[in-house]
Amino acid sequence: MKKILKYIKLLILLILINQTIILISNDSIRKGWWKSNSVNRFNDHDFLELDSNLNWNIITEKGKKSGIVHLYVGEKLLISNLTLTEWYFYENKG
């Protein structure tokens, strides 16, 4: 049981660190031109331009919250819909 709690704490720490990185790197994410690398696309968008519709890690479309940025590592972006049922992987192409 102690091992499981240790892993949960580590996971929470990694999530918090990544969310802080997303907050700090918000301008880099907004300036990117993101292209989907898989068949699975966020709201059927092949390309994402998050210049005005990214507020911290929440993606909005037409004023409605539609997705969450979960992971940002340099040129790669992992996002999901709000219910966390679908996940999308994008790469910076611009």
N, C-alpha and C. Protein backbone atom coordinates (compact mmCIF):
# COMPACT_ATOMS: atom_id res chain seq x y z
N MET A 1 0.82 -1.20 0.00
CA MET A 1 0.00 0.00 0.00
C MET A 1 0.87 1.26 0.00
N LYS A 2 1.99 1.22 0.73
CA LYS A 2 2.87 2.37 0.77
C LYS A 2 3.49 2.65 -0.59
N LYS A 3 3.78 1.58 -1.33
CA LYS A 3 4.35 1.74 -2.67
C LYS A 3 3.36 2.42 -3.61
N ILE A 4 2.10 2.05 -3.51
CA ILE A 4 1.07 2.65 -4.36
C ILE A 4 0.94 4.13 -4.06
N LEU A 5 0.93 4.48 -2.78
CA LEU A 5 0.84 5.90 -2.40
C LEU A 5 2.06 6.67 -2.89
N LYS A 6 3.21 6.05 -2.85
CA LYS A 6 4.43 6.68 -3.34
C LYS A 6 4.31 6.98 -4.83
N TYR A 7 3.78 6.04 -5.61
CA TYR A 7 3.60 6.25 -7.04
C TYR A 7 2.53 7.30 -7.33
N ILE A 8 1.50 7.32 -6.55
CA ILE A 8 0.45 8.33 -6.72
C ILE A 8 1.01 9.72 -6.45
N LYS A 9 1.79 9.85 -5.40
CA LYS A 9 2.42 11.15 -5.09
C LYS A 9 3.35 11.57 -6.21
N LEU A 10 4.12 10.63 -6.75
CA LEU A 10 5.02 10.94 -7.85
C LEU A 10 4.24 11.38 -9.09
N LEU A 11 3.15 10.70 -9.38
CA LEU A 11 2.30 11.06 -10.52
C LEU A 11 1.72 12.47 -10.35
N ILE A 12 1.23 12.77 -9.17
CA ILE A 12 0.68 14.10 -8.89
C ILE A 12 1.76 15.17 -9.05
N LEU A 13 2.96 14.88 -8.55
CA LEU A 13 4.06 15.82 -8.70
C LEU A 13 4.41 16.06 -10.16
N LEU A 14 4.46 15.00 -10.96
CA LEU A 14 4.74 15.14 -12.39
C LEU A 14 3.67 15.95 -13.11
N ILE A 15 2.42 15.73 -12.75
CA ILE A 15 1.32 16.49 -13.35
C ILE A 15 1.44 17.97 -13.01
N LEU A 16 1.72 18.27 -11.75
CA LEU A 16 1.86 19.67 -11.33
C LEU A 16 3.04 20.34 -12.04
N ILE A 17 4.14 19.63 -12.16
CA ILE A 17 5.30 20.19 -12.86
C ILE A 17 4.96 20.47 -14.32
N ASN A 18 4.27 19.53 -14.97
CA ASN A 18 3.92 19.71 -16.37
C ASN A 18 2.93 20.87 -16.55
N GLN A 19 1.98 21.00 -15.66
CA GLN A 19 1.03 22.10 -15.77
C GLN A 19 1.74 23.44 -15.58
N THR A 20 2.74 23.47 -14.72
CA THR A 20 3.53 24.69 -14.55
C THR A 20 4.31 24.99 -15.83
N ILE A 21 4.85 23.96 -16.47
CA ILE A 21 5.56 24.15 -17.74
C ILE A 21 4.61 24.69 -18.80
N ILE A 22 3.39 24.18 -18.84
CA ILE A 22 2.39 24.67 -19.80
C ILE A 22 2.09 26.14 -19.53
N LEU A 23 1.96 26.51 -18.27
CA LEU A 23 1.68 27.90 -17.93
C LEU A 23 2.83 28.80 -18.34
N ILE A 24 4.06 28.38 -18.07
CA ILE A 24 5.23 29.18 -18.42
C ILE A 24 5.42 29.24 -19.93
N SER A 25 5.16 28.16 -20.62
CA SER A 25 5.40 28.07 -22.07
C SER A 25 4.17 28.41 -22.90
N ASN A 26 3.20 29.05 -22.29
CA ASN A 26 1.95 29.33 -22.98
C ASN A 26 2.17 30.09 -24.29
N ASP A 27 3.08 31.05 -24.30
CA ASP A 27 3.33 31.80 -25.53
C ASP A 27 3.91 30.91 -26.62
N SER A 28 4.78 29.98 -26.25
CA SER A 28 5.34 29.06 -27.24
C SER A 28 4.26 28.17 -27.84
N ILE A 29 3.33 27.75 -27.03
CA ILE A 29 2.23 26.92 -27.52
C ILE A 29 1.34 27.73 -28.46
N ARG A 30 1.06 28.96 -28.09
CA ARG A 30 0.19 29.81 -28.90
C ARG A 30 0.81 30.15 -30.25
N LYS A 31 2.11 30.28 -30.29
CA LYS A 31 2.78 30.66 -31.54
C LYS A 31 2.97 29.48 -32.48
N GLY A 32 2.74 28.28 -31.99
CA GLY A 32 2.94 27.09 -32.81
C GLY A 32 1.81 26.84 -33.79
N TRP A 33 2.12 26.09 -34.80
CA TRP A 33 1.14 25.65 -35.79
C TRP A 33 1.12 24.14 -35.68
N TRP A 34 0.11 23.60 -35.03
CA TRP A 34 0.08 22.21 -34.59
C TRP A 34 -0.65 21.32 -35.58
N LYS A 35 -0.01 20.23 -35.97
CA LYS A 35 -0.58 19.30 -36.94
C LYS A 35 -0.78 17.94 -36.29
N SER A 36 -1.92 17.34 -36.54
CA SER A 36 -2.23 16.02 -36.00
C SER A 36 -1.41 14.96 -36.72
N ASN A 37 -0.90 14.00 -35.97
CA ASN A 37 -0.11 12.92 -36.55
C ASN A 37 -0.86 11.62 -36.63
N SER A 38 -2.11 11.63 -36.28
CA SER A 38 -2.87 10.38 -36.26
C SER A 38 -4.22 10.58 -36.93
N VAL A 39 -4.96 9.52 -37.02
CA VAL A 39 -6.31 9.58 -37.58
C VAL A 39 -7.23 10.33 -36.61
N ASN A 40 -6.96 10.20 -35.33
CA ASN A 40 -7.75 10.85 -34.30
C ASN A 40 -7.42 12.34 -34.25
N ARG A 41 -8.41 13.20 -34.51
CA ARG A 41 -8.19 14.65 -34.56
C ARG A 41 -9.13 15.36 -33.61
N PHE A 42 -8.62 16.38 -32.97
CA PHE A 42 -9.42 17.18 -32.04
C PHE A 42 -10.47 17.98 -32.80
N ASN A 43 -11.71 17.68 -32.56
CA ASN A 43 -12.85 18.33 -33.24
C ASN A 43 -12.66 18.37 -34.76
N ASP A 44 -12.09 17.29 -35.31
CA ASP A 44 -11.88 17.13 -36.75
C ASP A 44 -10.94 18.18 -37.34
N HIS A 45 -10.05 18.77 -36.54
CA HIS A 45 -9.08 19.75 -37.03
C HIS A 45 -7.76 19.04 -37.32
N ASP A 46 -7.30 19.12 -38.57
CA ASP A 46 -5.97 18.61 -38.90
C ASP A 46 -4.89 19.50 -38.30
N PHE A 47 -5.15 20.80 -38.31
CA PHE A 47 -4.21 21.79 -37.80
C PHE A 47 -4.88 22.60 -36.70
N LEU A 48 -4.11 22.96 -35.70
CA LEU A 48 -4.60 23.83 -34.62
C LEU A 48 -3.74 25.08 -34.58
N GLU A 49 -4.40 26.23 -34.48
CA GLU A 49 -3.72 27.48 -34.21
C GLU A 49 -4.33 28.01 -32.92
N LEU A 50 -3.55 27.98 -31.86
CA LEU A 50 -4.07 28.28 -30.53
C LEU A 50 -3.76 29.70 -30.08
N ASP A 51 -3.61 30.64 -31.03
CA ASP A 51 -3.20 31.98 -30.65
C ASP A 51 -4.19 32.69 -29.73
N SER A 52 -5.46 32.61 -29.99
CA SER A 52 -6.42 33.34 -29.17
C SER A 52 -7.36 32.45 -28.37
N ASN A 53 -7.34 31.15 -28.62
CA ASN A 53 -8.31 30.30 -27.94
C ASN A 53 -7.65 29.35 -26.93
N LEU A 54 -6.48 29.73 -26.39
CA LEU A 54 -5.83 28.95 -25.35
C LEU A 54 -5.70 29.81 -24.10
N ASN A 55 -6.38 29.43 -23.05
CA ASN A 55 -6.31 30.12 -21.77
C ASN A 55 -5.70 29.16 -20.77
N TRP A 56 -4.43 29.37 -20.45
CA TRP A 56 -3.59 28.48 -19.66
C TRP A 56 -3.55 27.12 -20.34
N ASN A 57 -4.35 26.14 -19.88
CA ASN A 57 -4.31 24.85 -20.55
C ASN A 57 -5.69 24.46 -21.08
N ILE A 58 -6.62 25.37 -21.13
CA ILE A 58 -7.98 25.11 -21.62
C ILE A 58 -8.12 25.68 -23.04
N ILE A 59 -8.56 24.85 -23.96
CA ILE A 59 -8.80 25.27 -25.34
C ILE A 59 -10.28 25.63 -25.47
N THR A 60 -10.55 26.79 -26.05
CA THR A 60 -11.93 27.20 -26.27
C THR A 60 -12.17 27.35 -27.77
N GLU A 61 -13.37 27.06 -28.18
CA GLU A 61 -13.80 27.26 -29.56
C GLU A 61 -15.14 27.96 -29.54
N LYS A 62 -15.16 29.12 -30.17
CA LYS A 62 -16.37 29.95 -30.22
C LYS A 62 -16.89 30.24 -28.83
N GLY A 63 -15.98 30.51 -27.90
CA GLY A 63 -16.35 30.88 -26.54
C GLY A 63 -16.70 29.73 -25.62
N LYS A 64 -16.69 28.51 -26.12
CA LYS A 64 -17.01 27.34 -25.29
C LYS A 64 -15.76 26.51 -25.05
N LYS A 65 -15.59 26.07 -23.81
CA LYS A 65 -14.46 25.21 -23.48
C LYS A 65 -14.63 23.89 -24.23
N SER A 66 -13.54 23.44 -24.89
CA SER A 66 -13.67 22.22 -25.67
C SER A 66 -12.54 21.22 -25.44
N GLY A 67 -11.41 21.64 -24.88
CA GLY A 67 -10.31 20.70 -24.69
C GLY A 67 -9.33 21.16 -23.64
N ILE A 68 -8.42 20.26 -23.29
CA ILE A 68 -7.42 20.52 -22.26
C ILE A 68 -6.06 20.10 -22.79
N VAL A 69 -5.08 20.97 -22.63
CA VAL A 69 -3.70 20.62 -22.95
C VAL A 69 -3.12 19.91 -21.74
N HIS A 70 -2.70 18.67 -21.91
CA HIS A 70 -2.19 17.88 -20.79
C HIS A 70 -0.68 17.81 -20.75
N LEU A 71 -0.06 17.75 -21.91
CA LEU A 71 1.38 17.55 -21.94
C LEU A 71 1.98 18.38 -23.06
N TYR A 72 3.02 19.11 -22.72
CA TYR A 72 3.75 19.89 -23.71
C TYR A 72 5.23 19.59 -23.53
N VAL A 73 5.82 18.97 -24.53
CA VAL A 73 7.24 18.65 -24.50
C VAL A 73 7.84 19.15 -25.80
N GLY A 74 8.42 20.33 -25.76
CA GLY A 74 9.10 20.90 -26.91
C GLY A 74 8.21 21.05 -28.13
N GLU A 75 8.27 20.10 -29.02
CA GLU A 75 7.53 20.16 -30.28
C GLU A 75 6.28 19.28 -30.27
N LYS A 76 5.93 18.72 -29.15
CA LYS A 76 4.80 17.79 -29.09
C LYS A 76 3.77 18.28 -28.07
N LEU A 77 2.51 18.03 -28.40
CA LEU A 77 1.39 18.49 -27.59
C LEU A 77 0.36 17.38 -27.46
N LEU A 78 -0.04 17.07 -26.25
CA LEU A 78 -1.07 16.06 -26.00
C LEU A 78 -2.28 16.77 -25.43
N ILE A 79 -3.40 16.65 -26.12
CA ILE A 79 -4.63 17.29 -25.64
C ILE A 79 -5.74 16.26 -25.58
N SER A 80 -6.81 16.60 -24.87
CA SER A 80 -7.98 15.73 -24.80
C SER A 80 -9.23 16.58 -24.83
N ASN A 81 -10.36 15.90 -24.99
CA ASN A 81 -11.62 16.62 -24.85
C ASN A 81 -11.88 16.82 -23.36
N LEU A 82 -12.92 17.54 -23.01
CA LEU A 82 -13.19 17.86 -21.61
C LEU A 82 -13.53 16.65 -20.75
N THR A 83 -14.08 15.62 -21.36
CA THR A 83 -14.47 14.43 -20.59
C THR A 83 -13.34 13.42 -20.45
N LEU A 84 -12.19 13.74 -21.05
CA LEU A 84 -11.00 12.87 -21.00
C LEU A 84 -11.24 11.51 -21.65
N THR A 85 -12.18 11.44 -22.56
CA THR A 85 -12.47 10.16 -23.22
C THR A 85 -11.71 10.00 -24.53
N GLU A 86 -11.28 11.11 -25.13
CA GLU A 86 -10.54 11.05 -26.38
C GLU A 86 -9.27 11.88 -26.23
N TRP A 87 -8.16 11.31 -26.72
CA TRP A 87 -6.86 11.95 -26.61
C TRP A 87 -6.29 12.18 -28.00
N TYR A 88 -5.59 13.29 -28.16
CA TYR A 88 -5.07 13.69 -29.47
C TYR A 88 -3.61 14.11 -29.32
N PHE A 89 -2.81 13.73 -30.31
CA PHE A 89 -1.39 14.03 -30.31
C PHE A 89 -1.08 14.94 -31.49
N TYR A 90 -0.48 16.10 -31.22
CA TYR A 90 -0.14 17.06 -32.26
C TYR A 90 1.35 17.39 -32.18
N GLU A 91 1.91 17.75 -33.34
CA GLU A 91 3.32 18.18 -33.41
C GLU A 91 3.38 19.58 -33.99
N ASN A 92 4.37 20.35 -33.54
CA ASN A 92 4.55 21.71 -34.02
C ASN A 92 5.14 21.67 -35.42
N LYS A 93 4.46 22.30 -36.37
CA LYS A 93 4.91 22.32 -37.76
C LYS A 93 5.17 23.74 -38.23
N GLY A 94 5.27 24.68 -37.33
CA GLY A 94 5.49 26.04 -37.77
C GLY A 94 6.42 26.72 -36.93
